PDB file of N, CA and C in Angstrom:
ATOM      1  N   UNK A   1      -6.328  32.193  -0.015  1.00  0.00           N
ATOM      2  CA  UNK A   1      -5.014  32.110  -0.628  1.00  0.00           C
ATOM      3  C   UNK A   1      -4.980  30.924  -1.589  1.00  0.00           C
ATOM      4  N   UNK A   2      -4.604  31.183  -2.797  1.00  0.00           N
ATOM      5  CA  UNK A   2      -4.527  30.140  -3.811  1.00  0.00           C
ATOM      6  C   UNK A   2      -3.236  29.345  -3.640  1.00  0.00           C
ATOM      7  N   UNK A   3      -3.369  28.020  -3.654  1.00  0.00           N
ATOM      8  CA  UNK A   3      -2.204  27.146  -3.533  1.00  0.00           C
ATOM      9  C   UNK A   3      -1.627  26.874  -4.917  1.00  0.00           C
ATOM     10  N   UNK A   4      -0.375  27.160  -5.088  1.00  0.00           N
ATOM     11  CA  UNK A   4       0.324  26.882  -6.344  1.00  0.00           C
ATOM     12  C   UNK A   4       1.080  25.567  -6.193  1.00  0.00           C
ATOM     13  N   UNK A   5       0.873  24.662  -7.104  1.00  0.00           N
ATOM     14  CA  UNK A   5       1.601  23.394  -7.088  1.00  0.00           C
ATOM     15  C   UNK A   5       3.071  23.655  -7.399  1.00  0.00           C
ATOM     16  N   UNK A   6       3.934  23.003  -6.662  1.00  0.00           N
ATOM     17  CA  UNK A   6       5.359  23.126  -6.940  1.00  0.00           C
ATOM     18  C   UNK A   6       5.711  22.399  -8.236  1.00  0.00           C
ATOM     19  N   UNK A   7       5.043  21.283  -8.455  1.00  0.00           N
ATOM     20  CA  UNK A   7       5.277  20.468  -9.639  1.00  0.00           C
ATOM     21  C   UNK A   7       3.924  19.942 -10.108  1.00  0.00           C
ATOM     22  N   UNK A   8       3.701  19.951 -11.403  1.00  0.00           N
ATOM     23  CA  UNK A   8       2.454  19.386 -11.909  1.00  0.00           C
ATOM     24  C   UNK A   8       2.764  18.205 -12.837  1.00  0.00           C
ATOM     25  N   UNK A   9       1.720  17.567 -13.375  1.00  0.00           N
ATOM     26  CA  UNK A   9       1.893  16.377 -14.208  1.00  0.00           C
ATOM     27  C   UNK A   9       2.729  16.660 -15.452  1.00  0.00           C
ATOM     28  N   UNK A  10       2.558  17.817 -16.034  1.00  0.00           N
ATOM     29  CA  UNK A  10       3.337  18.165 -17.227  1.00  0.00           C
ATOM     30  C   UNK A  10       4.818  18.303 -16.879  1.00  0.00           C
ATOM     31  N   UNK A  11       5.116  18.916 -15.746  1.00  0.00           N
ATOM     32  CA  UNK A  11       6.512  19.032 -15.303  1.00  0.00           C
ATOM     33  C   UNK A  11       7.148  17.653 -15.141  1.00  0.00           C
ATOM     34  N   UNK A  12       6.435  16.733 -14.488  1.00  0.00           N
ATOM     35  CA  UNK A  12       6.962  15.384 -14.277  1.00  0.00           C
ATOM     36  C   UNK A  12       7.140  14.643 -15.596  1.00  0.00           C
ATOM     37  N   UNK A  13       6.184  14.800 -16.489  1.00  0.00           N
ATOM     38  CA  UNK A  13       6.271  14.136 -17.787  1.00  0.00           C
ATOM     39  C   UNK A  13       7.481  14.639 -18.575  1.00  0.00           C
ATOM     40  N   UNK A  14       7.730  15.928 -18.562  1.00  0.00           N
ATOM     41  CA  UNK A  14       8.883  16.489 -19.269  1.00  0.00           C
ATOM     42  C   UNK A  14      10.191  16.049 -18.615  1.00  0.00           C
ATOM     43  N   UNK A  15      10.218  16.002 -17.290  1.00  0.00           N
ATOM     44  CA  UNK A  15      11.416  15.557 -16.569  1.00  0.00           C
ATOM     45  C   UNK A  15      11.702  14.094 -16.883  1.00  0.00           C
ATOM     46  N   UNK A  16      10.647  13.262 -16.991  1.00  0.00           N
ATOM     47  CA  UNK A  16      10.807  11.834 -17.258  1.00  0.00           C
ATOM     48  C   UNK A  16      11.466  11.578 -18.607  1.00  0.00           C
ATOM     49  N   UNK A  17      11.377  12.514 -19.511  1.00  0.00           N
ATOM     50  CA  UNK A  17      11.982  12.343 -20.836  1.00  0.00           C
ATOM     51  C   UNK A  17      13.479  12.631 -20.838  1.00  0.00           C
ATOM     52  N   UNK A  18      13.994  13.175 -19.754  1.00  0.00           N
ATOM     53  CA  UNK A  18      15.427  13.471 -19.664  1.00  0.00           C
ATOM     54  C   UNK A  18      16.171  12.245 -19.133  1.00  0.00           C
ATOM     55  N   UNK A  19      17.391  12.049 -19.592  1.00  0.00           N
ATOM     56  CA  UNK A  19      18.196  10.907 -19.151  1.00  0.00           C
ATOM     57  C   UNK A  19      18.407  10.892 -17.644  1.00  0.00           C
ATOM     58  N   UNK A  20      18.592  12.042 -17.039  1.00  0.00           N
ATOM     59  CA  UNK A  20      18.868  12.102 -15.602  1.00  0.00           C
ATOM     60  C   UNK A  20      17.732  11.541 -14.754  1.00  0.00           C
ATOM     61  N   UNK A  21      16.508  11.574 -15.265  1.00  0.00           N
ATOM     62  CA  UNK A  21      15.365  11.112 -14.479  1.00  0.00           C
ATOM     63  C   UNK A  21      15.473   9.633 -14.142  1.00  0.00           C
ATOM     64  N   UNK A  22      15.998   8.837 -15.042  1.00  0.00           N
ATOM     65  CA  UNK A  22      16.126   7.403 -14.803  1.00  0.00           C
ATOM     66  C   UNK A  22      17.026   7.122 -13.602  1.00  0.00           C
ATOM     67  N   UNK A  23      18.070   7.893 -13.457  1.00  0.00           N
ATOM     68  CA  UNK A  23      19.020   7.686 -12.371  1.00  0.00           C
ATOM     69  C   UNK A  23      18.565   8.303 -11.054  1.00  0.00           C
ATOM     70  N   UNK A  24      17.650   9.251 -11.116  1.00  0.00           N
ATOM     71  CA  UNK A  24      17.279   9.988  -9.901  1.00  0.00           C
ATOM     72  C   UNK A  24      15.886   9.679  -9.354  1.00  0.00           C
ATOM     73  N   UNK A  25      15.034   8.988 -10.106  1.00  0.00           N
ATOM     74  CA  UNK A  25      13.669   8.765  -9.643  1.00  0.00           C
ATOM     75  C   UNK A  25      13.616   7.946  -8.359  1.00  0.00           C
ATOM     76  N   UNK A  26      14.354   6.860  -8.276  1.00  0.00           N
ATOM     77  CA  UNK A  26      14.350   6.046  -7.058  1.00  0.00           C
ATOM     78  C   UNK A  26      14.900   6.830  -5.866  1.00  0.00           C
ATOM     79  N   UNK A  27      15.881   7.678  -6.117  1.00  0.00           N
ATOM     80  CA  UNK A  27      16.434   8.524  -5.053  1.00  0.00           C
ATOM     81  C   UNK A  27      15.374   9.502  -4.547  1.00  0.00           C
ATOM     82  N   UNK A  28      14.601  10.064  -5.458  1.00  0.00           N
ATOM     83  CA  UNK A  28      13.517  10.961  -5.082  1.00  0.00           C
ATOM     84  C   UNK A  28      12.479  10.221  -4.234  1.00  0.00           C
ATOM     85  N   UNK A  29      12.119   9.017  -4.649  1.00  0.00           N
ATOM     86  CA  UNK A  29      11.146   8.220  -3.891  1.00  0.00           C
ATOM     87  C   UNK A  29      11.680   7.944  -2.488  1.00  0.00           C
ATOM     88  N   UNK A  30      12.948   7.542  -2.388  1.00  0.00           N
ATOM     89  CA  UNK A  30      13.559   7.282  -1.074  1.00  0.00           C
ATOM     90  C   UNK A  30      13.482   8.515  -0.184  1.00  0.00           C
ATOM     91  N   UNK A  31      13.786   9.674  -0.734  1.00  0.00           N
ATOM     92  CA  UNK A  31      13.769  10.908   0.065  1.00  0.00           C
ATOM     93  C   UNK A  31      12.350  11.277   0.502  1.00  0.00           C
ATOM     94  N   UNK A  32      11.374  11.037  -0.376  1.00  0.00           N
ATOM     95  CA  UNK A  32       9.979  11.305   0.003  1.00  0.00           C
ATOM     96  C   UNK A  32       9.520  10.359   1.116  1.00  0.00           C
ATOM     97  N   UNK A  33       9.912   9.087   1.023  1.00  0.00           N
ATOM     98  CA  UNK A  33       9.572   8.137   2.086  1.00  0.00           C
ATOM     99  C   UNK A  33      10.230   8.536   3.406  1.00  0.00           C
ATOM    100  N   UNK A  34      11.495   8.932   3.361  1.00  0.00           N
ATOM    101  CA  UNK A  34      12.200   9.351   4.566  1.00  0.00           C
ATOM    102  C   UNK A  34      11.551  10.578   5.202  1.00  0.00           C
ATOM    103  N   UNK A  35      10.926  11.410   4.400  1.00  0.00           N
ATOM    104  CA  UNK A  35      10.269  12.613   4.916  1.00  0.00           C
ATOM    105  C   UNK A  35       9.030  12.280   5.748  1.00  0.00           C
ATOM    106  N   UNK A  36       8.574  11.038   5.680  1.00  0.00           N
ATOM    107  CA  UNK A  36       7.404  10.637   6.465  1.00  0.00           C
ATOM    108  C   UNK A  36       7.718  10.556   7.955  1.00  0.00           C
ATOM    109  N   UNK A  37       8.987  10.547   8.320  1.00  0.00           N
ATOM    110  CA  UNK A  37       9.461  10.494   9.710  1.00  0.00           C
ATOM    111  C   UNK A  37       9.193   9.146  10.381  1.00  0.00           C
ATOM    112  N   UNK A  38       8.851   8.124   9.606  1.00  0.00           N
ATOM    113  CA  UNK A  38       8.687   6.777  10.149  1.00  0.00           C
ATOM    114  C   UNK A  38      10.071   6.167  10.294  1.00  0.00           C
ATOM    115  N   UNK A  39      10.301   5.438  11.361  1.00  0.00           N
ATOM    116  CA  UNK A  39      11.571   4.727  11.544  1.00  0.00           C
ATOM    117  C   UNK A  39      11.436   3.372  10.853  1.00  0.00           C
ATOM    118  N   UNK A  40      11.840   3.331   9.585  1.00  0.00           N
ATOM    119  CA  UNK A  40      11.723   2.106   8.810  1.00  0.00           C
ATOM    120  C   UNK A  40      12.716   1.064   9.299  1.00  0.00           C
ATOM    121  N   UNK A  41      12.309  -0.198   9.210  1.00  0.00           N
ATOM    122  CA  UNK A  41      13.221  -1.294   9.517  1.00  0.00           C
ATOM    123  C   UNK A  41      14.270  -1.413   8.412  1.00  0.00           C
ATOM    124  N   UNK A  42      13.838  -1.088   7.188  1.00  0.00           N
ATOM    125  CA  UNK A  42      14.745  -1.125   6.032  1.00  0.00           C
ATOM    126  C   UNK A  42      14.235  -0.145   4.984  1.00  0.00           C
ATOM    127  N   UNK A  43      15.145   0.634   4.437  1.00  0.00           N
ATOM    128  CA  UNK A  43      14.823   1.490   3.288  1.00  0.00           C
ATOM    129  C   UNK A  43      16.063   1.501   2.398  1.00  0.00           C
ATOM    130  N   UNK A  44      15.915   0.892   1.242  1.00  0.00           N
ATOM    131  CA  UNK A  44      17.057   0.681   0.354  1.00  0.00           C
ATOM    132  C   UNK A  44      16.593   0.870  -1.088  1.00  0.00           C
ATOM    133  N   UNK A  45      16.930   2.017  -1.666  1.00  0.00           N
ATOM    134  CA  UNK A  45      16.559   2.314  -3.042  1.00  0.00           C
ATOM    135  C   UNK A  45      17.806   2.643  -3.842  1.00  0.00           C
ATOM    136  N   UNK A  46      17.959   1.982  -4.990  1.00  0.00           N
ATOM    137  CA  UNK A  46      19.096   2.229  -5.869  1.00  0.00           C
ATOM    138  C   UNK A  46      18.922   3.581  -6.548  1.00  0.00           C
ATOM    139  N   UNK A  47      20.019   4.247  -6.805  1.00  0.00           N
ATOM    140  CA  UNK A  47      19.957   5.499  -7.567  1.00  0.00           C
ATOM    141  C   UNK A  47      21.276   5.713  -8.299  1.00  0.00           C
ATOM    142  N   UNK A  48      21.232   6.661  -9.201  1.00  0.00           N
ATOM    143  CA  UNK A  48      22.383   7.028 -10.019  1.00  0.00           C
ATOM    144  C   UNK A  48      22.997   5.778 -10.655  1.00  0.00           C
ATOM    145  N   UNK A  49      24.284   5.481 -10.461  1.00  0.00           N
ATOM    146  CA  UNK A  49      24.894   4.323 -11.110  1.00  0.00           C
ATOM    147  C   UNK A  49      24.308   3.010 -10.621  1.00  0.00           C
ATOM    148  N   UNK A  50      23.778   2.989  -9.420  1.00  0.00           N
ATOM    149  CA  UNK A  50      23.221   1.776  -8.839  1.00  0.00           C
ATOM    150  C   UNK A  50      22.032   1.209  -9.583  1.00  0.00           C
ATOM    151  N   UNK A  51      21.377   2.019 -10.410  1.00  0.00           N
ATOM    152  CA  UNK A  51      20.205   1.513 -11.128  1.00  0.00           C
ATOM    153  C   UNK A  51      20.581   0.520 -12.211  1.00  0.00           C
ATOM    154  N   UNK A  52      21.848   0.456 -12.566  1.00  0.00           N
ATOM    155  CA  UNK A  52      22.277  -0.437 -13.631  1.00  0.00           C
ATOM    156  C   UNK A  52      22.736  -1.800 -13.120  1.00  0.00           C
ATOM    157  N   UNK A  53      22.599  -2.051 -11.827  1.00  0.00           N
ATOM    158  CA  UNK A  53      23.040  -3.323 -11.259  1.00  0.00           C
ATOM    159  C   UNK A  53      22.008  -4.429 -11.420  1.00  0.00           C
ATOM    160  N   UNK A  54      20.788  -4.089 -11.812  1.00  0.00           N
ATOM    161  CA  UNK A  54      19.730  -5.075 -11.966  1.00  0.00           C
ATOM    162  C   UNK A  54      19.012  -5.327 -10.652  1.00  0.00           C
ATOM    163  N   UNK A  55      17.984  -6.114 -10.702  1.00  0.00           N
ATOM    164  CA  UNK A  55      17.212  -6.428  -9.503  1.00  0.00           C
ATOM    165  C   UNK A  55      16.192  -5.350  -9.177  1.00  0.00           C
ATOM    166  N   UNK A  56      15.669  -5.427  -7.989  1.00  0.00           N
ATOM    167  CA  UNK A  56      14.660  -4.477  -7.529  1.00  0.00           C
ATOM    168  C   UNK A  56      15.231  -3.063  -7.487  1.00  0.00           C
ATOM    169  N   UNK A  57      14.349  -2.080  -7.707  1.00  0.00           N
ATOM    170  CA  UNK A  57      14.760  -0.680  -7.582  1.00  0.00           C
ATOM    171  C   UNK A  57      14.826  -0.263  -6.126  1.00  0.00           C
ATOM    172  N   UNK A  58      14.037  -0.911  -5.290  1.00  0.00           N
ATOM    173  CA  UNK A  58      14.067  -0.555  -3.880  1.00  0.00           C
ATOM    174  C   UNK A  58      13.321  -1.538  -3.011  1.00  0.00           C
ATOM    175  N   UNK A  59      13.650  -1.492  -1.722  1.00  0.00           N
ATOM    176  CA  UNK A  59      12.943  -2.259  -0.706  1.00  0.00           C
ATOM    177  C   UNK A  59      12.580  -1.325   0.432  1.00  0.00           C
ATOM    178  N   UNK A  60      11.412  -1.572   0.998  1.00  0.00           N
ATOM    179  CA  UNK A  60      10.955  -0.817   2.161  1.00  0.00           C
ATOM    180  C   UNK A  60      10.355  -1.808   3.139  1.00  0.00           C
ATOM    181  N   UNK A  61      10.757  -1.719   4.397  1.00  0.00           N
ATOM    182  CA  UNK A  61      10.144  -2.524   5.456  1.00  0.00           C
ATOM    183  C   UNK A  61       9.692  -1.547   6.524  1.00  0.00           C
ATOM    184  N   UNK A  62       8.385  -1.394   6.617  1.00  0.00           N
ATOM    185  CA  UNK A  62       7.814  -0.377   7.498  1.00  0.00           C
ATOM    186  C   UNK A  62       7.029  -1.005   8.649  1.00  0.00           C
ATOM    187  N   UNK A  63       7.216  -0.492   9.868  1.00  0.00           N
ATOM    188  CA  UNK A  63       6.460  -1.000  11.006  1.00  0.00           C
ATOM    189  C   UNK A  63       5.012  -0.506  11.026  1.00  0.00           C
ATOM    190  N   UNK A  64       4.694   0.429  10.172  1.00  0.00           N
ATOM    191  CA  UNK A  64       3.335   0.966  10.114  1.00  0.00           C
ATOM    192  C   UNK A  64       2.980   1.351   8.685  1.00  0.00           C
ATOM    193  N   UNK A  65       1.681   1.490   8.448  1.00  0.00           N
ATOM    194  CA  UNK A  65       1.193   1.881   7.123  1.00  0.00           C
ATOM    195  C   UNK A  65       0.890   3.370   7.112  1.00  0.00           C
ATOM    196  N   UNK A  66       0.840   3.914   5.913  1.00  0.00           N
ATOM    197  CA  UNK A  66       0.414   5.295   5.721  1.00  0.00           C
ATOM    198  C   UNK A  66      -0.361   5.361   4.415  1.00  0.00           C
ATOM    199  N   UNK A  67      -0.744   6.527   4.032  1.00  0.00           N
ATOM    200  CA  UNK A  67      -1.426   6.718   2.760  1.00  0.00           C
ATOM    201  C   UNK A  67      -0.519   6.344   1.593  1.00  0.00           C
ATOM    202  N   UNK A  68       0.796   6.439   1.770  1.00  0.00           N
ATOM    203  CA  UNK A  68       1.744   6.283   0.679  1.00  0.00           C
ATOM    204  C   UNK A  68       2.509   4.967   0.672  1.00  0.00           C
ATOM    205  N   UNK A  69       2.452   4.199   1.716  1.00  0.00           N
ATOM    206  CA  UNK A  69       3.146   2.917   1.767  1.00  0.00           C
ATOM    207  C   UNK A  69       2.438   1.993   2.757  1.00  0.00           C
ATOM    208  N   UNK A  70       2.675   0.706   2.587  1.00  0.00           N
ATOM    209  CA  UNK A  70       2.024  -0.282   3.431  1.00  0.00           C
ATOM    210  C   UNK A  70       2.929  -0.746   4.562  1.00  0.00           C
ATOM    211  N   UNK A  71       2.341  -1.387   5.517  1.00  0.00           N
ATOM    212  CA  UNK A  71       3.089  -1.982   6.624  1.00  0.00           C
ATOM    213  C   UNK A  71       3.743  -3.265   6.116  1.00  0.00           C
ATOM    214  N   UNK A  72       4.956  -3.516   6.572  1.00  0.00           N
ATOM    215  CA  UNK A  72       5.658  -4.734   6.205  1.00  0.00           C
ATOM    216  C   UNK A  72       6.653  -4.502   5.079  1.00  0.00           C
ATOM    217  N   UNK A  73       7.094  -5.602   4.499  1.00  0.00           N
ATOM    218  CA  UNK A  73       8.131  -5.571   3.467  1.00  0.00           C
ATOM    219  C   UNK A  73       7.504  -5.392   2.085  1.00  0.00           C
ATOM    220  N   UNK A  74       8.077  -4.498   1.309  1.00  0.00           N
ATOM    221  CA  UNK A  74       7.628  -4.292  -0.069  1.00  0.00           C
ATOM    222  C   UNK A  74       8.840  -4.099  -0.974  1.00  0.00           C
ATOM    223  N   UNK A  75       8.757  -4.698  -2.160  1.00  0.00           N
ATOM    224  CA  UNK A  75       9.768  -4.520  -3.200  1.00  0.00           C
ATOM    225  C   UNK A  75       9.215  -3.553  -4.222  1.00  0.00           C
ATOM    226  N   UNK A  76      10.004  -2.556  -4.588  1.00  0.00           N
ATOM    227  CA  UNK A  76       9.532  -1.470  -5.444  1.00  0.00           C
ATOM    228  C   UNK A  76      10.218  -1.479  -6.797  1.00  0.00           C
ATOM    229  N   UNK A  77       9.434  -1.170  -7.809  1.00  0.00           N
ATOM    230  CA  UNK A  77       9.936  -0.910  -9.156  1.00  0.00           C
ATOM    231  C   UNK A  77       9.404   0.454  -9.567  1.00  0.00           C
ATOM    232  N   UNK A  78      10.276   1.294 -10.064  1.00  0.00           N
ATOM    233  CA  UNK A  78       9.878   2.629 -10.503  1.00  0.00           C
ATOM    234  C   UNK A  78      10.274   2.794 -11.963  1.00  0.00           C
ATOM    235  N   UNK A  79       9.641   3.737 -12.633  1.00  0.00           N
ATOM    236  CA  UNK A  79       9.928   3.899 -14.056  1.00  0.00           C
ATOM    237  C   UNK A  79       9.817   5.352 -14.464  1.00  0.00           C
ATOM    238  N   UNK A  80      10.762   5.776 -15.273  1.00  0.00           N
ATOM    239  CA  UNK A  80      10.721   7.120 -15.848  1.00  0.00           C
ATOM    240  C   UNK A  80      10.583   7.021 -17.364  1.00  0.00           C
ATOM    241  N   UNK A  81      10.155   5.881 -17.847  1.00  0.00           N
ATOM    242  CA  UNK A  81      10.056   5.681 -19.292  1.00  0.00           C
ATOM    243  C   UNK A  81       8.601   5.560 -19.730  1.00  0.00           C
ATOM    244  N   UNK A  82       8.390   5.749 -21.013  1.00  0.00           N
ATOM    245  CA  UNK A  82       7.062   5.529 -21.569  1.00  0.00           C
ATOM    246  C   UNK A  82       6.834   4.025 -21.694  1.00  0.00           C
ATOM    247  N   UNK A  83       5.603   3.641 -21.865  1.00  0.00           N
ATOM    248  CA  UNK A  83       5.297   2.219 -21.974  1.00  0.00           C
ATOM    249  C   UNK A  83       5.373   1.520 -20.634  1.00  0.00           C
ATOM    250  N   UNK A  84       4.948   2.210 -19.579  1.00  0.00           N
ATOM    251  CA  UNK A  84       5.094   1.661 -18.236  1.00  0.00           C
ATOM    252  C   UNK A  84       4.235   0.429 -17.998  1.00  0.00           C
ATOM    253  N   UNK A  85       3.111   0.307 -18.668  1.00  0.00           N
ATOM    254  CA  UNK A  85       2.262  -0.866 -18.474  1.00  0.00           C
ATOM    255  C   UNK A  85       2.982  -2.124 -18.938  1.00  0.00           C
ATOM    256  N   UNK A  86       3.589  -2.066 -20.102  1.00  0.00           N
ATOM    257  CA  UNK A  86       4.350  -3.215 -20.605  1.00  0.00           C
ATOM    258  C   UNK A  86       5.520  -3.524 -19.682  1.00  0.00           C
ATOM    259  N   UNK A  87       6.209  -2.481 -19.204  1.00  0.00           N
ATOM    260  CA  UNK A  87       7.335  -2.703 -18.301  1.00  0.00           C
ATOM    261  C   UNK A  87       6.853  -3.317 -16.992  1.00  0.00           C
ATOM    262  N   UNK A  88       5.745  -2.831 -16.460  1.00  0.00           N
ATOM    263  CA  UNK A  88       5.208  -3.361 -15.197  1.00  0.00           C
ATOM    264  C   UNK A  88       4.907  -4.850 -15.321  1.00  0.00           C
ATOM    265  N   UNK A  89       4.266  -5.242 -16.406  1.00  0.00           N
ATOM    266  CA  UNK A  89       3.945  -6.655 -16.613  1.00  0.00           C
ATOM    267  C   UNK A  89       5.210  -7.503 -16.739  1.00  0.00           C
ATOM    268  N   UNK A  90       6.180  -7.000 -17.495  1.00  0.00           N
ATOM    269  CA  UNK A  90       7.439  -7.729 -17.697  1.00  0.00           C
ATOM    270  C   UNK A  90       8.198  -7.894 -16.377  1.00  0.00           C
ATOM    271  N   UNK A  91       8.288  -6.807 -15.621  1.00  0.00           N
ATOM    272  CA  UNK A  91       9.021  -6.848 -14.351  1.00  0.00           C
ATOM    273  C   UNK A  91       8.304  -7.738 -13.338  1.00  0.00           C
ATOM    274  N   UNK A  92       6.987  -7.661 -13.289  1.00  0.00           N
ATOM    275  CA  UNK A  92       6.229  -8.494 -12.355  1.00  0.00           C
ATOM    276  C   UNK A  92       6.473  -9.976 -12.634  1.00  0.00           C
ATOM    277  N   UNK A  93       6.416 -10.365 -13.897  1.00  0.00           N
ATOM    278  CA  UNK A  93       6.673 -11.762 -14.243  1.00  0.00           C
ATOM    279  C   UNK A  93       8.089 -12.187 -13.855  1.00  0.00           C
ATOM    280  N   UNK A  94       9.055 -11.323 -14.117  1.00  0.00           N
ATOM    281  CA  UNK A  94      10.443 -11.642 -13.769  1.00  0.00           C
ATOM    282  C   UNK A  94      10.628 -11.756 -12.259  1.00  0.00           C
ATOM    283  N   UNK A  95      10.048 -10.829 -11.507  1.00  0.00           N
ATOM    284  CA  UNK A  95      10.219 -10.849 -10.049  1.00  0.00           C
ATOM    285  C   UNK A  95       9.529 -12.058  -9.420  1.00  0.00           C
ATOM    286  N   UNK A  96       8.370 -12.435  -9.912  1.00  0.00           N
ATOM    287  CA  UNK A  96       7.675 -13.588  -9.342  1.00  0.00           C
ATOM    288  C   UNK A  96       8.332 -14.895  -9.762  1.00  0.00           C
ATOM    289  N   UNK A  97       8.844 -14.940 -10.984  1.00  0.00           N
ATOM    290  CA  UNK A  97       9.512 -16.153 -11.465  1.00  0.00           C
ATOM    291  C   UNK A  97      10.830 -16.387 -10.731  1.00  0.00           C
ATOM    292  N   UNK A  98      11.551 -15.308 -10.440  1.00  0.00           N
ATOM    293  CA  UNK A  98      12.888 -15.423  -9.856  1.00  0.00           C
ATOM    294  C   UNK A  98      12.925 -15.278  -8.341  1.00  0.00           C
ATOM    295  N   UNK A  99      11.799 -15.467  -7.689  1.00  0.00           N
ATOM    296  CA  UNK A  99      11.804 -15.405  -6.224  1.00  0.00           C
ATOM    297  C   UNK A  99      11.114 -16.633  -5.649  1.00  0.00           C
ATOM    298  N   UNK A 100      11.483 -16.978  -4.433  1.00  0.00           N
ATOM    299  CA  UNK A 100      10.913 -18.151  -3.774  1.00  0.00           C
ATOM    300  C   UNK A 100       9.476 -17.868  -3.353  1.00  0.00           C
ATOM    301  N   UNK A 101       8.690 -18.905  -3.312  1.00  0.00           N
ATOM    302  CA  UNK A 101       7.284 -18.785  -2.931  1.00  0.00           C
ATOM    303  C   UNK A 101       7.137 -18.151  -1.550  1.00  0.00           C
ATOM    304  N   UNK A 102       7.985 -18.543  -0.603  1.00  0.00           N
ATOM    305  CA  UNK A 102       7.908 -17.982   0.755  1.00  0.00           C
ATOM    306  C   UNK A 102       8.208 -16.489   0.743  1.00  0.00           C
ATOM    307  N   UNK A 103       9.157 -16.052  -0.080  1.00  0.00           N
ATOM    308  CA  UNK A 103       9.486 -14.629  -0.184  1.00  0.00           C
ATOM    309  C   UNK A 103       8.325 -13.848  -0.785  1.00  0.00           C
ATOM    310  N   UNK A 104       7.664 -14.417  -1.795  1.00  0.00           N
ATOM    311  CA  UNK A 104       6.527 -13.740  -2.427  1.00  0.00           C
ATOM    312  C   UNK A 104       5.381 -13.552  -1.439  1.00  0.00           C
ATOM    313  N   UNK A 105       5.183 -14.495  -0.535  1.00  0.00           N
ATOM    314  CA  UNK A 105       4.097 -14.370   0.448  1.00  0.00           C
ATOM    315  C   UNK A 105       4.369 -13.276   1.466  1.00  0.00           C
ATOM    316  N   UNK A 106       5.639 -12.932   1.684  1.00  0.00           N
ATOM    317  CA  UNK A 106       6.002 -11.930   2.692  1.00  0.00           C
ATOM    318  C   UNK A 106       6.258 -10.544   2.106  1.00  0.00           C
ATOM    319  N   UNK A 107       6.335 -10.441   0.790  1.00  0.00           N
ATOM    320  CA  UNK A 107       6.739  -9.190   0.161  1.00  0.00           C
ATOM    321  C   UNK A 107       5.673  -8.692  -0.811  1.00  0.00           C
ATOM    322  N   UNK A 108       5.260  -7.445  -0.633  1.00  0.00           N
ATOM    323  CA  UNK A 108       4.316  -6.827  -1.568  1.00  0.00           C
ATOM    324  C   UNK A 108       5.094  -6.254  -2.749  1.00  0.00           C
ATOM    325  N   UNK A 109       4.517  -6.342  -3.931  1.00  0.00           N
ATOM    326  CA  UNK A 109       5.128  -5.793  -5.141  1.00  0.00           C
ATOM    327  C   UNK A 109       4.523  -4.419  -5.403  1.00  0.00           C
ATOM    328  N   UNK A 110       5.368  -3.388  -5.472  1.00  0.00           N
ATOM    329  CA  UNK A 110       4.892  -2.024  -5.716  1.00  0.00           C
ATOM    330  C   UNK A 110       5.432  -1.554  -7.058  1.00  0.00           C
ATOM    331  N   UNK A 111       4.532  -1.304  -7.988  1.00  0.00           N
ATOM    332  CA  UNK A 111       4.917  -0.694  -9.256  1.00  0.00           C
ATOM    333  C   UNK A 111       3.852   0.346  -9.574  1.00  0.00           C
ATOM    334  N   UNK A 112       3.908   1.432  -8.900  1.00  0.00           N
ATOM    335  CA  UNK A 112       2.947   2.473  -9.149  1.00  0.00           C
ATOM    336  C   UNK A 112       3.614   3.817  -9.197  1.00  0.00           C
ATOM    337  N   UNK A 113       4.923   3.801  -9.054  1.00  0.00           N
ATOM    338  CA  UNK A 113       5.662   5.046  -9.045  1.00  0.00           C
ATOM    339  C   UNK A 113       6.264   5.232 -10.423  1.00  0.00           C
ATOM    340  N   UNK A 114       5.726   6.182 -11.152  1.00  0.00           N
ATOM    341  CA  UNK A 114       6.237   6.424 -12.491  1.00  0.00           C
ATOM    342  C   UNK A 114       6.199   7.912 -12.778  1.00  0.00           C
ATOM    343  N   UNK A 115       7.141   8.354 -13.546  1.00  0.00           N
ATOM    344  CA  UNK A 115       7.177   9.781 -13.873  1.00  0.00           C
ATOM    345  C   UNK A 115       6.473  10.069 -15.199  1.00  0.00           C
ATOM    346  N   UNK A 116       6.474   9.120 -16.108  1.00  0.00           N
ATOM    347  CA  UNK A 116       5.854   9.334 -17.416  1.00  0.00           C
ATOM    348  C   UNK A 116       4.332   9.140 -17.318  1.00  0.00           C
ATOM    349  N   UNK A 117       3.607   9.858 -18.124  1.00  0.00           N
ATOM    350  CA  UNK A 117       2.153   9.694 -18.156  1.00  0.00           C
ATOM    351  C   UNK A 117       1.778   8.382 -18.823  1.00  0.00           C
ATOM    352  N   UNK A 118       0.736   7.761 -18.278  1.00  0.00           N
ATOM    353  CA  UNK A 118       0.192   6.559 -18.899  1.00  0.00           C
ATOM    354  C   UNK A 118      -0.777   6.985 -19.989  1.00  0.00           C
ATOM    355  N   UNK A 119      -0.828   6.203 -21.055  1.00  0.00           N
ATOM    356  CA  UNK A 119      -1.733   6.519 -22.157  1.00  0.00           C
ATOM    357  C   UNK A 119      -3.186   6.414 -21.721  1.00  0.00           C
ATOM    358  N   UNK A 120      -3.493   5.439 -20.887  1.00  0.00           N
ATOM    359  CA  UNK A 120      -4.865   5.281 -20.365  1.00  0.00           C
ATOM    360  C   UNK A 120      -4.794   4.680 -18.979  1.00  0.00           C
ATOM    361  N   UNK A 121      -5.881   4.779 -18.269  1.00  0.00           N
ATOM    362  CA  UNK A 121      -5.931   4.244 -16.897  1.00  0.00           C
ATOM    363  C   UNK A 121      -6.919   3.097 -16.822  1.00  0.00           C
ATOM    364  N   UNK A 122      -6.695   2.064 -17.565  1.00  0.00           N
ATOM    365  CA  UNK A 122      -7.610   0.927 -17.536  1.00  0.00           C
ATOM    366  C   UNK A 122      -7.049  -0.200 -16.711  1.00  0.00           C
TER     367      UNK A 122
END
């Protein structure tokens, strides 16, 4: 039996170009994490109007690791825009500059969730 993908890279890339994707991507990530059936200590992802408040797109505190997330506290940034490499660098600098050293030692930075295709994988 041939497996048909529900969504492929082209579908995600086209969706990322729509305005609605910016407001819904973090919500999608939250729902996918919740589907793991792990009882997270904290799962907090901004979506819809909440994405315009600034700060992190989401936080996850997990008692265990999986293929898709790590154990412990992680701060997440997601992107549905092109130019994600430049955005990742900019956001990383801002998050590290505006957080305490003790917080940085306890929190992993996750910026790997993006809907738009990267120009290269270097």
